[in-house]
Structure formats: C-alpha cells, structure tokens
C-alpha cells in the first residue's frame, strides 16, 4: 500500500484534503473493478482492467477538474 500512496503523492496536490479525496476516488474505482470480476494476475488481465479503470478515471477527472491515475499503472 505504501507504494500506491507514493505513486499517488507524485500526482496529487500538496493540500491534504485534496490528496485524501484522490486516494478515496482511485481506490474506490480500483476496488469496484475487483467487485465486477476484474483481476490483474496476468498481463492480459491487467491490460483489460487497466484500460477500463483508466477510462472511468478519465471521465471522473473531467467532471472533477483534476487528474486521476489507475493504481496499477506500470504493473507489467
């Protein structure tokens, strides 16, 4: 989890509340993908999951006026 937070800190603004919001949105999106049956055990699964997760986060980014990144960016 610390690796995830370190990656998010690079893209999150310094303000604490804003960072907390980003963590919540990105982890909720990632968890929701798991609940929908997506995994990332193999590169093929990761690619499929990553594209869907990225799509959702890009749409949320447009609405929120910020930039969200998938948790598993660069996994494979």
Protein backbone atom coordinates (compact mmCIF):
# COMPACT_ATOMS: atom_id res chain seq x y z
CA UNK A 1 0.00 0.00 0.00
CA UNK A 2 2.87 2.41 0.66
CA UNK A 3 3.94 2.08 -2.98
CA UNK A 4 0.42 3.04 -4.05
CA UNK A 5 0.44 6.09 -1.77
CA UNK A 6 3.88 7.12 -3.02
CA UNK A 7 2.63 6.95 -6.63
CA UNK A 8 -0.44 8.99 -5.76
CA UNK A 9 1.61 11.59 -3.90
CA UNK A 10 3.52 12.31 -7.10
CA UNK A 11 0.31 13.21 -8.93
CA UNK A 12 -1.71 14.67 -6.04
CA UNK A 13 -1.61 18.31 -5.00
CA UNK A 14 0.09 19.09 -1.71
CA UNK A 15 -3.12 20.02 0.07
CA UNK A 16 -4.04 17.21 2.42
CA UNK A 17 -7.82 17.15 1.83
CA UNK A 18 -7.32 17.08 -1.93
CA UNK A 19 -4.87 14.18 -1.62
CA UNK A 20 -7.28 12.26 0.62
CA UNK A 21 -10.06 12.76 -1.94
CA UNK A 22 -7.84 11.43 -4.74
CA UNK A 23 -6.90 8.37 -2.70
CA UNK A 24 -10.56 7.64 -1.99
CA UNK A 25 -11.67 8.03 -5.61
CA UNK A 26 -8.84 5.97 -7.09
CA UNK A 27 -9.03 3.15 -4.51
CA UNK A 28 -12.83 3.02 -4.77
CA UNK A 29 -12.58 2.74 -8.57
CA UNK A 30 -9.93 0.03 -8.28
CA UNK A 31 -11.98 -1.90 -5.71
CA UNK A 32 -15.13 -1.60 -7.78
CA UNK A 33 -13.35 -3.18 -10.72
CA UNK A 34 -12.44 -6.12 -8.45
CA UNK A 35 -16.07 -6.45 -7.36
CA UNK A 36 -17.06 -6.55 -11.03
CA UNK A 37 -14.74 -9.51 -11.52
CA UNK A 38 -11.67 -7.85 -13.00
CA UNK A 39 -8.30 -9.08 -11.77
CA UNK A 40 -4.69 -8.30 -12.58
CA UNK A 41 -2.89 -11.60 -12.07
CA UNK A 42 -1.66 -11.87 -15.65
CA UNK A 43 -0.55 -9.23 -18.12
CA UNK A 44 -3.61 -9.83 -20.32
CA UNK A 45 -5.98 -9.40 -17.35
CA UNK A 46 -4.07 -6.33 -16.23
CA UNK A 47 -4.27 -4.75 -19.69
CA UNK A 48 -8.05 -5.25 -19.85
CA UNK A 49 -8.56 -4.00 -16.30
CA UNK A 50 -6.18 -1.06 -16.72
CA UNK A 51 -7.96 0.23 -19.84
CA UNK A 52 -11.39 0.11 -18.16
CA UNK A 53 -10.08 1.67 -14.94
CA UNK A 54 -8.31 4.39 -16.92
CA UNK A 55 -11.49 5.11 -18.86
CA UNK A 56 -13.53 5.55 -15.67
CA UNK A 57 -10.88 7.73 -14.02
CA UNK A 58 -10.53 9.93 -17.12
CA UNK A 59 -14.27 10.59 -17.05
CA UNK A 60 -14.15 11.36 -13.32
CA UNK A 61 -11.15 13.63 -13.94
CA UNK A 62 -13.14 15.67 -16.47
CA UNK A 63 -16.00 16.11 -14.01
CA UNK A 64 -13.79 16.93 -11.02
CA UNK A 65 -11.26 19.10 -12.86
CA UNK A 66 -8.31 17.04 -11.64
CA UNK A 67 -6.18 14.14 -12.85
CA UNK A 68 -6.76 10.63 -11.53
CA UNK A 69 -4.39 7.74 -12.39
CA UNK A 70 -5.09 3.99 -12.09
CA UNK A 71 -3.47 2.32 -9.06
CA UNK A 72 -1.80 -0.43 -11.07
CA UNK A 73 -0.13 1.87 -13.61
CA UNK A 74 3.08 0.24 -14.86
CA UNK A 75 2.41 -3.10 -13.14
CA UNK A 76 3.61 -5.16 -16.10
